[in-house]
N, C-alpha and C. Protein backbone atom coordinates (compact mmCIF):
# COMPACT_ATOMS: atom_id res chain seq x y z
N MET A 1 0.82 -1.19 0.00
CA MET A 1 0.00 0.00 0.00
C MET A 1 0.86 1.26 0.00
N LYS A 2 1.93 1.27 0.81
CA LYS A 2 2.80 2.44 0.86
C LYS A 2 3.46 2.69 -0.48
N ARG A 3 3.83 1.62 -1.18
CA ARG A 3 4.46 1.77 -2.50
C ARG A 3 3.49 2.42 -3.48
N HIS A 4 2.22 2.04 -3.42
CA HIS A 4 1.23 2.59 -4.33
C HIS A 4 1.01 4.08 -4.06
N LEU A 5 0.96 4.47 -2.80
CA LEU A 5 0.80 5.88 -2.46
C LEU A 5 2.02 6.69 -2.90
N PHE A 6 3.20 6.11 -2.70
CA PHE A 6 4.42 6.78 -3.16
C PHE A 6 4.40 6.94 -4.68
N ALA A 7 4.00 5.89 -5.39
CA ALA A 7 3.95 5.93 -6.85
C ALA A 7 2.94 6.97 -7.32
N LEU A 8 1.76 7.03 -6.69
CA LEU A 8 0.76 8.02 -7.06
C LEU A 8 1.28 9.44 -6.79
N GLY A 9 1.94 9.61 -5.65
CA GLY A 9 2.51 10.91 -5.33
C GLY A 9 3.58 11.32 -6.33
N ALA A 10 4.42 10.37 -6.72
CA ALA A 10 5.47 10.66 -7.70
C ALA A 10 4.86 11.01 -9.05
N LEU A 11 3.81 10.27 -9.47
CA LEU A 11 3.15 10.59 -10.75
C LEU A 11 2.52 11.98 -10.71
N ALA A 12 1.88 12.32 -9.61
CA ALA A 12 1.26 13.64 -9.49
C ALA A 12 2.31 14.73 -9.54
N TRP A 13 3.44 14.47 -8.87
CA TRP A 13 4.52 15.45 -8.91
C TRP A 13 5.07 15.61 -10.32
N MET A 14 5.31 14.49 -11.01
CA MET A 14 5.86 14.56 -12.38
C MET A 14 4.87 15.21 -13.33
N ALA A 15 3.58 15.01 -13.11
CA ALA A 15 2.57 15.61 -13.98
C ALA A 15 2.37 17.08 -13.66
N GLY A 16 2.91 17.53 -12.55
CA GLY A 16 2.81 18.94 -12.17
C GLY A 16 1.49 19.29 -11.53
N ALA A 17 0.80 18.29 -10.97
CA ALA A 17 -0.51 18.54 -10.37
C ALA A 17 -0.44 19.52 -9.22
N ALA A 18 0.60 19.48 -8.40
CA ALA A 18 0.69 20.37 -7.24
C ALA A 18 1.44 21.65 -7.56
N ALA A 19 2.25 21.69 -8.61
CA ALA A 19 3.11 22.83 -8.90
C ALA A 19 2.36 24.10 -9.28
N PRO A 20 1.29 24.07 -10.10
CA PRO A 20 0.66 25.32 -10.51
C PRO A 20 0.15 26.18 -9.36
N ALA A 21 -0.35 25.59 -8.28
CA ALA A 21 -0.86 26.39 -7.17
C ALA A 21 0.25 27.22 -6.55
N VAL A 22 1.45 26.69 -6.46
CA VAL A 22 2.58 27.43 -5.91
C VAL A 22 3.06 28.47 -6.91
N ALA A 23 3.21 28.07 -8.18
CA ALA A 23 3.75 28.96 -9.20
C ALA A 23 2.83 30.15 -9.47
N GLN A 24 1.50 29.97 -9.37
CA GLN A 24 0.59 31.07 -9.66
C GLN A 24 0.70 32.18 -8.62
N ASP A 25 1.10 31.85 -7.40
CA ASP A 25 1.25 32.86 -6.37
C ASP A 25 2.47 33.73 -6.62
N ARG A 26 3.43 33.22 -7.36
CA ARG A 26 4.68 33.96 -7.59
C ARG A 26 4.64 34.63 -8.95
N GLU A 27 4.80 35.94 -8.94
CA GLU A 27 4.91 36.68 -10.18
C GLU A 27 5.86 37.84 -9.96
N ILE A 28 6.42 38.34 -11.03
CA ILE A 28 7.37 39.45 -10.95
C ILE A 28 6.64 40.75 -10.66
N GLY A 29 5.48 40.94 -11.28
CA GLY A 29 4.74 42.18 -11.05
C GLY A 29 3.42 42.19 -11.79
N ARG A 30 2.65 43.25 -11.54
CA ARG A 30 1.35 43.44 -12.17
C ARG A 30 1.06 44.94 -12.22
N GLN A 31 0.22 45.33 -13.13
CA GLN A 31 -0.10 46.74 -13.28
C GLN A 31 -0.64 47.30 -11.97
N GLY A 32 -0.13 48.48 -11.57
CA GLY A 32 -0.54 49.14 -10.34
C GLY A 32 0.28 48.76 -9.12
N ALA A 33 1.17 47.77 -9.24
CA ALA A 33 1.98 47.34 -8.10
C ALA A 33 3.21 48.25 -7.96
N THR A 34 3.74 48.28 -6.76
CA THR A 34 4.95 49.03 -6.45
C THR A 34 6.07 48.04 -6.14
N GLN A 35 7.26 48.36 -6.61
CA GLN A 35 8.41 47.46 -6.44
C GLN A 35 9.56 48.22 -5.80
N LEU A 36 10.13 47.68 -4.74
CA LEU A 36 11.26 48.27 -4.04
C LEU A 36 12.48 47.40 -4.30
N SER A 37 13.59 48.01 -4.75
CA SER A 37 14.81 47.26 -5.11
C SER A 37 15.98 47.65 -4.23
N PHE A 38 16.83 46.67 -3.92
CA PHE A 38 18.05 46.89 -3.14
C PHE A 38 19.20 46.12 -3.79
N GLN A 39 20.38 46.73 -3.78
CA GLN A 39 21.58 46.02 -4.22
C GLN A 39 22.80 46.65 -3.56
N ALA A 40 23.82 45.83 -3.36
CA ALA A 40 25.06 46.31 -2.73
C ALA A 40 26.23 45.47 -3.19
N VAL A 41 27.39 46.10 -3.30
CA VAL A 41 28.62 45.40 -3.72
C VAL A 41 29.78 45.97 -2.91
N VAL A 42 30.65 45.10 -2.43
CA VAL A 42 31.90 45.51 -1.81
C VAL A 42 32.99 44.65 -2.43
N THR A 43 34.01 45.28 -2.98
CA THR A 43 35.14 44.54 -3.55
C THR A 43 36.42 45.12 -2.98
N GLY A 44 37.48 44.37 -3.06
CA GLY A 44 38.74 44.88 -2.55
C GLY A 44 39.90 43.98 -2.90
N SER A 45 41.09 44.51 -2.59
CA SER A 45 42.31 43.74 -2.82
C SER A 45 43.37 44.17 -1.81
N GLN A 46 44.28 43.30 -1.57
CA GLN A 46 45.38 43.57 -0.66
C GLN A 46 46.54 44.16 -1.47
N ALA A 47 46.93 45.38 -1.15
CA ALA A 47 48.06 46.03 -1.81
C ALA A 47 49.07 46.39 -0.73
N ALA A 48 50.22 45.78 -0.81
CA ALA A 48 51.26 45.96 0.22
C ALA A 48 50.68 45.58 1.57
N SER A 49 50.63 46.52 2.51
CA SER A 49 50.09 46.20 3.83
C SER A 49 48.67 46.73 4.03
N ASP A 50 48.11 47.41 3.01
CA ASP A 50 46.78 47.98 3.12
C ASP A 50 45.77 47.22 2.29
N PHE A 51 44.57 47.14 2.84
CA PHE A 51 43.44 46.59 2.09
C PHE A 51 42.73 47.76 1.42
N GLN A 52 42.62 47.75 0.10
CA GLN A 52 41.94 48.81 -0.63
C GLN A 52 40.70 48.23 -1.28
N GLY A 53 39.65 49.02 -1.32
CA GLY A 53 38.43 48.48 -1.87
C GLY A 53 37.47 49.55 -2.36
N PHE A 54 36.36 49.06 -2.87
CA PHE A 54 35.31 49.88 -3.45
C PHE A 54 33.98 49.39 -2.90
N TYR A 55 33.05 50.31 -2.64
CA TYR A 55 31.72 49.92 -2.22
C TYR A 55 30.68 50.66 -3.04
N PHE A 56 29.55 50.01 -3.23
CA PHE A 56 28.46 50.54 -4.02
C PHE A 56 27.16 50.01 -3.44
N GLY A 57 26.17 50.85 -3.34
CA GLY A 57 24.85 50.43 -2.90
C GLY A 57 23.80 51.24 -3.61
N ALA A 58 22.64 50.66 -3.80
CA ALA A 58 21.56 51.38 -4.47
C ALA A 58 20.21 50.88 -3.96
N TRP A 59 19.23 51.74 -4.05
CA TRP A 59 17.85 51.39 -3.79
C TRP A 59 17.01 52.19 -4.77
N ASP A 60 15.88 51.67 -5.12
CA ASP A 60 14.94 52.45 -5.92
C ASP A 60 13.53 51.94 -5.68
N ILE A 61 12.58 52.78 -6.03
CA ILE A 61 11.18 52.41 -5.95
C ILE A 61 10.61 52.55 -7.35
N GLY A 62 9.85 51.55 -7.76
CA GLY A 62 9.28 51.55 -9.10
C GLY A 62 7.79 51.31 -9.06
N TYR A 63 7.11 51.78 -10.09
CA TYR A 63 5.67 51.63 -10.19
C TYR A 63 5.33 51.00 -11.54
N PHE A 64 4.59 49.91 -11.53
CA PHE A 64 4.15 49.26 -12.77
C PHE A 64 3.07 50.12 -13.42
N THR A 65 3.43 50.90 -14.42
CA THR A 65 2.46 51.76 -15.11
C THR A 65 1.64 50.97 -16.11
N SER A 66 2.13 49.80 -16.52
CA SER A 66 1.39 48.89 -17.41
C SER A 66 1.75 47.47 -16.98
N GLU A 67 1.29 46.50 -17.73
CA GLU A 67 1.59 45.10 -17.41
C GLU A 67 3.09 44.82 -17.46
N HIS A 68 3.83 45.55 -18.30
CA HIS A 68 5.25 45.25 -18.54
C HIS A 68 6.22 46.35 -18.11
N LEU A 69 5.78 47.59 -18.02
CA LEU A 69 6.67 48.73 -17.83
C LEU A 69 6.66 49.25 -16.39
N VAL A 70 7.87 49.42 -15.84
CA VAL A 70 8.06 49.98 -14.49
C VAL A 70 8.85 51.27 -14.62
N LEU A 71 8.35 52.35 -14.05
CA LEU A 71 9.11 53.60 -13.95
C LEU A 71 9.76 53.63 -12.58
N ARG A 72 11.07 54.01 -12.52
CA ARG A 72 11.86 53.93 -11.30
C ARG A 72 12.49 55.26 -10.94
N VAL A 73 12.67 55.47 -9.63
CA VAL A 73 13.45 56.58 -9.11
C VAL A 73 14.13 56.09 -7.83
N GLY A 74 15.38 56.51 -7.62
CA GLY A 74 16.09 56.05 -6.43
C GLY A 74 17.43 56.75 -6.25
N ASN A 75 18.23 56.19 -5.37
CA ASN A 75 19.55 56.73 -5.08
C ASN A 75 20.59 55.63 -5.11
N GLN A 76 21.83 56.04 -5.33
CA GLN A 76 22.95 55.12 -5.20
C GLN A 76 24.09 55.85 -4.51
N PHE A 77 24.90 55.09 -3.80
CA PHE A 77 26.09 55.66 -3.17
C PHE A 77 27.27 54.78 -3.53
N GLN A 78 28.42 55.41 -3.61
CA GLN A 78 29.64 54.68 -3.96
C GLN A 78 30.85 55.41 -3.42
N GLY A 79 31.91 54.67 -3.30
CA GLY A 79 33.15 55.24 -2.82
C GLY A 79 34.22 54.18 -2.69
N ALA A 80 35.35 54.59 -2.19
CA ALA A 80 36.48 53.68 -2.00
C ALA A 80 37.01 53.86 -0.59
N PHE A 81 37.67 52.83 -0.10
CA PHE A 81 38.30 52.95 1.21
C PHE A 81 39.77 52.59 1.09
N ASN A 82 40.57 53.32 1.85
CA ASN A 82 42.03 53.19 1.87
C ASN A 82 42.68 53.49 0.52
N SER A 83 42.01 54.28 -0.31
CA SER A 83 42.65 54.65 -1.59
C SER A 83 43.03 56.12 -1.62
N GLY A 84 42.38 56.95 -0.81
CA GLY A 84 42.74 58.35 -0.71
C GLY A 84 42.20 59.23 -1.81
N ALA A 85 42.04 58.74 -3.02
CA ALA A 85 41.66 59.58 -4.15
C ALA A 85 40.15 59.76 -4.27
N ASN A 86 39.37 58.73 -4.08
CA ASN A 86 37.93 58.80 -4.30
C ASN A 86 37.18 59.20 -3.05
N GLN A 87 36.35 60.22 -3.17
CA GLN A 87 35.47 60.63 -2.10
C GLN A 87 34.12 59.93 -2.29
N PRO A 88 33.44 59.60 -1.22
CA PRO A 88 32.11 58.99 -1.37
C PRO A 88 31.17 59.95 -2.10
N SER A 89 30.25 59.38 -2.86
CA SER A 89 29.30 60.23 -3.58
C SER A 89 27.91 59.63 -3.50
N LEU A 90 26.92 60.49 -3.61
CA LEU A 90 25.52 60.12 -3.62
C LEU A 90 24.93 60.58 -4.94
N SER A 91 24.18 59.71 -5.61
CA SER A 91 23.58 60.03 -6.91
C SER A 91 22.08 59.74 -6.87
N THR A 92 21.36 60.38 -7.78
CA THR A 92 19.94 60.09 -7.99
C THR A 92 19.80 59.40 -9.34
N ASN A 93 18.93 58.39 -9.40
CA ASN A 93 18.68 57.64 -10.62
C ASN A 93 17.22 57.77 -11.02
N VAL A 94 16.96 57.89 -12.30
CA VAL A 94 15.61 57.80 -12.86
C VAL A 94 15.68 56.91 -14.08
N GLY A 95 14.66 56.12 -14.29
CA GLY A 95 14.69 55.23 -15.45
C GLY A 95 13.47 54.35 -15.52
N SER A 96 13.59 53.31 -16.35
CA SER A 96 12.48 52.38 -16.52
C SER A 96 13.00 50.97 -16.78
N THR A 97 12.12 50.01 -16.54
CA THR A 97 12.41 48.60 -16.78
C THR A 97 11.24 48.01 -17.55
N TYR A 98 11.56 47.19 -18.55
CA TYR A 98 10.53 46.49 -19.31
C TYR A 98 10.68 44.99 -19.07
N TYR A 99 9.65 44.37 -18.47
CA TYR A 99 9.64 42.92 -18.22
C TYR A 99 8.95 42.22 -19.38
N PHE A 100 9.58 41.16 -19.89
CA PHE A 100 9.01 40.43 -21.01
C PHE A 100 7.87 39.51 -20.59
N SER A 101 7.90 38.95 -19.39
CA SER A 101 6.82 38.06 -18.90
C SER A 101 6.62 38.27 -17.40
N PRO A 102 6.01 39.39 -17.00
CA PRO A 102 5.91 39.73 -15.58
C PRO A 102 4.95 38.86 -14.76
N HIS A 103 4.05 38.12 -15.41
CA HIS A 103 3.08 37.31 -14.67
C HIS A 103 3.57 35.89 -14.42
N THR A 104 4.84 35.64 -14.68
CA THR A 104 5.43 34.33 -14.45
C THR A 104 6.43 34.42 -13.30
N PRO A 105 6.86 33.29 -12.75
CA PRO A 105 7.82 33.33 -11.65
C PRO A 105 9.21 33.82 -12.06
N THR A 106 9.54 33.75 -13.35
CA THR A 106 10.85 34.20 -13.84
C THR A 106 10.64 35.02 -15.10
N SER A 107 11.32 36.16 -15.21
CA SER A 107 11.18 37.01 -16.39
C SER A 107 12.51 37.65 -16.76
N PHE A 108 12.77 37.70 -18.05
CA PHE A 108 13.87 38.50 -18.55
C PHE A 108 13.40 39.95 -18.63
N TYR A 109 14.34 40.88 -18.54
CA TYR A 109 13.98 42.30 -18.63
C TYR A 109 15.11 43.09 -19.23
N THR A 110 14.78 44.30 -19.64
CA THR A 110 15.78 45.27 -20.09
C THR A 110 15.47 46.58 -19.38
N SER A 111 16.50 47.35 -19.06
CA SER A 111 16.26 48.60 -18.35
C SER A 111 17.27 49.66 -18.77
N GLY A 112 16.90 50.89 -18.49
CA GLY A 112 17.78 52.02 -18.73
C GLY A 112 17.60 53.04 -17.64
N ILE A 113 18.70 53.65 -17.20
CA ILE A 113 18.61 54.69 -16.18
C ILE A 113 19.52 55.86 -16.55
N TYR A 114 19.14 57.01 -16.08
CA TYR A 114 19.99 58.20 -16.11
C TYR A 114 20.34 58.49 -14.67
N SER A 115 21.61 58.68 -14.39
CA SER A 115 22.10 58.91 -13.04
C SER A 115 22.90 60.21 -13.00
N PHE A 116 22.66 61.01 -11.98
CA PHE A 116 23.45 62.23 -11.81
C PHE A 116 23.85 62.38 -10.35
N ARG A 117 25.08 62.85 -10.14
CA ARG A 117 25.61 62.99 -8.78
C ARG A 117 25.00 64.17 -8.06
N LEU A 118 24.75 63.95 -6.79
CA LEU A 118 24.28 65.02 -5.91
C LEU A 118 25.42 65.59 -5.09
N THR A 119 26.43 64.76 -4.79
CA THR A 119 27.58 65.19 -4.01
C THR A 119 28.86 64.90 -4.80
N ASN A 120 29.90 65.64 -4.50
CA ASN A 120 31.20 65.48 -5.17
C ASN A 120 31.09 65.49 -6.68
N ARG A 121 30.30 66.40 -7.17
CA ARG A 121 30.10 66.54 -8.61
C ARG A 121 31.20 67.42 -9.18
N SER A 122 31.82 66.98 -10.25
CA SER A 122 32.90 67.76 -10.86
C SER A 122 32.33 68.73 -11.90
N GLU A 123 33.10 69.71 -12.27
CA GLU A 123 32.71 70.70 -13.27
C GLU A 123 32.46 70.00 -14.60
N GLY A 124 31.33 70.29 -15.22
CA GLY A 124 31.01 69.69 -16.51
C GLY A 124 30.42 68.30 -16.45
N ASP A 125 30.14 67.81 -15.24
CA ASP A 125 29.55 66.47 -15.09
C ASP A 125 28.08 66.52 -15.51
N ARG A 126 27.74 65.77 -16.55
CA ARG A 126 26.36 65.75 -17.04
C ARG A 126 25.65 64.44 -16.73
N GLY A 127 26.23 63.61 -15.88
CA GLY A 127 25.58 62.38 -15.49
C GLY A 127 26.01 61.18 -16.31
N ASP A 128 25.34 60.07 -16.09
CA ASP A 128 25.66 58.81 -16.74
C ASP A 128 24.39 58.15 -17.27
N LEU A 129 24.53 57.41 -18.36
CA LEU A 129 23.46 56.57 -18.87
C LEU A 129 23.89 55.12 -18.71
N VAL A 130 22.97 54.28 -18.26
CA VAL A 130 23.26 52.85 -18.08
C VAL A 130 22.14 52.05 -18.72
N GLY A 131 22.49 51.11 -19.57
CA GLY A 131 21.54 50.18 -20.14
C GLY A 131 21.89 48.78 -19.69
N SER A 132 20.89 47.97 -19.37
CA SER A 132 21.19 46.63 -18.89
C SER A 132 20.11 45.63 -19.31
N ILE A 133 20.49 44.36 -19.26
CA ILE A 133 19.55 43.26 -19.45
C ILE A 133 19.70 42.35 -18.24
N GLY A 134 18.65 41.65 -17.89
CA GLY A 134 18.74 40.80 -16.72
C GLY A 134 17.65 39.77 -16.65
N VAL A 135 17.70 39.00 -15.60
CA VAL A 135 16.67 38.00 -15.31
C VAL A 135 16.29 38.16 -13.84
N GLN A 136 15.00 38.05 -13.58
CA GLN A 136 14.49 38.18 -12.21
C GLN A 136 13.65 36.96 -11.90
N ALA A 137 13.84 36.38 -10.72
CA ALA A 137 13.13 35.18 -10.32
C ALA A 137 12.45 35.39 -8.97
N ALA A 138 11.16 35.10 -8.92
CA ALA A 138 10.40 35.23 -7.68
C ALA A 138 10.75 34.07 -6.76
N VAL A 139 11.11 34.39 -5.53
CA VAL A 139 11.39 33.36 -4.53
C VAL A 139 10.24 33.23 -3.53
N ARG A 140 9.36 34.21 -3.52
CA ARG A 140 8.13 34.22 -2.71
C ARG A 140 7.09 34.98 -3.50
N SER A 141 5.90 35.09 -2.96
CA SER A 141 4.85 35.81 -3.68
C SER A 141 5.15 37.30 -3.80
N ASN A 142 5.97 37.85 -2.91
CA ASN A 142 6.27 39.28 -2.97
C ASN A 142 7.76 39.60 -2.99
N ALA A 143 8.63 38.61 -3.17
CA ALA A 143 10.07 38.85 -3.15
C ALA A 143 10.74 38.12 -4.30
N SER A 144 11.72 38.75 -4.91
CA SER A 144 12.46 38.14 -6.01
C SER A 144 13.91 38.60 -5.99
N VAL A 145 14.75 37.82 -6.64
CA VAL A 145 16.15 38.17 -6.80
C VAL A 145 16.39 38.48 -8.27
N PHE A 146 17.38 39.33 -8.53
CA PHE A 146 17.69 39.64 -9.92
C PHE A 146 19.19 39.61 -10.16
N PHE A 147 19.53 39.29 -11.38
CA PHE A 147 20.91 39.25 -11.86
C PHE A 147 20.92 40.04 -13.16
N GLU A 148 21.81 41.03 -13.28
CA GLU A 148 21.83 41.82 -14.50
C GLU A 148 23.24 42.21 -14.90
N GLY A 149 23.38 42.51 -16.17
CA GLY A 149 24.63 43.00 -16.71
C GLY A 149 24.32 44.10 -17.70
N GLY A 150 25.25 45.03 -17.86
CA GLY A 150 24.97 46.13 -18.76
C GLY A 150 26.19 46.95 -19.07
N TYR A 151 25.93 48.10 -19.66
CA TYR A 151 26.98 49.01 -20.07
C TYR A 151 26.59 50.41 -19.64
N GLY A 152 27.52 51.12 -19.01
CA GLY A 152 27.28 52.50 -18.58
C GLY A 152 28.27 53.43 -19.24
N ARG A 153 27.81 54.65 -19.55
CA ARG A 153 28.67 55.63 -20.21
C ARG A 153 28.41 57.01 -19.62
N SER A 154 29.49 57.72 -19.35
CA SER A 154 29.41 59.09 -18.85
C SER A 154 28.99 60.02 -19.99
N LEU A 155 28.11 60.98 -19.70
CA LEU A 155 27.68 61.96 -20.70
C LEU A 155 28.59 63.17 -20.74
N SER A 156 29.57 63.23 -19.88
CA SER A 156 30.52 64.34 -19.87
C SER A 156 31.44 64.22 -21.08
N SER A 157 31.97 65.36 -21.52
CA SER A 157 32.88 65.32 -22.68
C SER A 157 34.09 64.47 -22.34
N GLY A 158 34.43 63.58 -23.22
CA GLY A 158 35.54 62.67 -22.97
C GLY A 158 35.20 61.56 -22.02
N GLY A 159 33.90 61.37 -21.74
CA GLY A 159 33.48 60.34 -20.79
C GLY A 159 33.77 58.94 -21.31
N SER A 160 34.01 58.05 -20.40
CA SER A 160 34.33 56.68 -20.78
C SER A 160 33.17 55.75 -20.43
N GLY A 161 33.24 54.53 -20.93
CA GLY A 161 32.23 53.54 -20.66
C GLY A 161 32.77 52.42 -19.80
N VAL A 162 31.85 51.67 -19.20
CA VAL A 162 32.25 50.58 -18.32
C VAL A 162 31.19 49.47 -18.37
N LEU A 163 31.65 48.23 -18.31
CA LEU A 163 30.74 47.10 -18.20
C LEU A 163 30.34 46.93 -16.74
N LEU A 164 29.07 46.61 -16.51
CA LEU A 164 28.55 46.53 -15.15
C LEU A 164 27.81 45.20 -14.94
N SER A 165 27.80 44.73 -13.72
CA SER A 165 26.96 43.59 -13.36
C SER A 165 26.50 43.79 -11.92
N SER A 166 25.32 43.26 -11.60
CA SER A 166 24.82 43.39 -10.24
C SER A 166 23.85 42.28 -9.90
N VAL A 167 23.67 42.10 -8.61
CA VAL A 167 22.74 41.13 -8.04
C VAL A 167 21.98 41.88 -6.97
N GLY A 168 20.69 41.61 -6.84
CA GLY A 168 19.94 42.31 -5.82
C GLY A 168 18.63 41.64 -5.47
N LEU A 169 17.84 42.35 -4.68
CA LEU A 169 16.55 41.87 -4.17
C LEU A 169 15.49 42.89 -4.52
N ARG A 170 14.30 42.41 -4.94
CA ARG A 170 13.16 43.29 -5.20
C ARG A 170 11.96 42.77 -4.42
N VAL A 171 11.22 43.71 -3.81
CA VAL A 171 10.04 43.38 -3.04
C VAL A 171 8.84 44.04 -3.71
N LEU A 172 7.76 43.29 -3.88
CA LEU A 172 6.56 43.76 -4.56
C LEU A 172 5.47 44.09 -3.54
N PHE A 173 4.84 45.26 -3.70
CA PHE A 173 3.74 45.67 -2.82
C PHE A 173 2.48 45.82 -3.62
């Protein structure tokens, strides 16, 4: 009898009988929802007797204006420690994200932001543009993790570009 119950349970699991109820509760977003994002990075290296490093953190709040489009606004901070040259800075970000399948537990997306410094801004600094692609996966009905990569470029004359990657958490309200 126990073998038969195990076999029936295994068949139900393989057929996905129990999976849809869990998966339907998890979605990336929906029109009218608010999304709060967090990300942070700390890197460093040992140079001679000093540890030198870089830190970056960001948060933003976004609003699903349609089934797929989120408008975002937030802040980021960055700086270095034990390097002497870089002063910490605070920036404001505005942008948008387009989710390809927001009603599923996992969705690819593309996003773009314009960022401008609020502190330690140099003469002629016109901000930065960043474009990225990523994937976001819901781990609960209101929480998801994201992984993204992109390219950022300074809008200042002679500005350079940089490849970027990040990992973070998003909470849906």
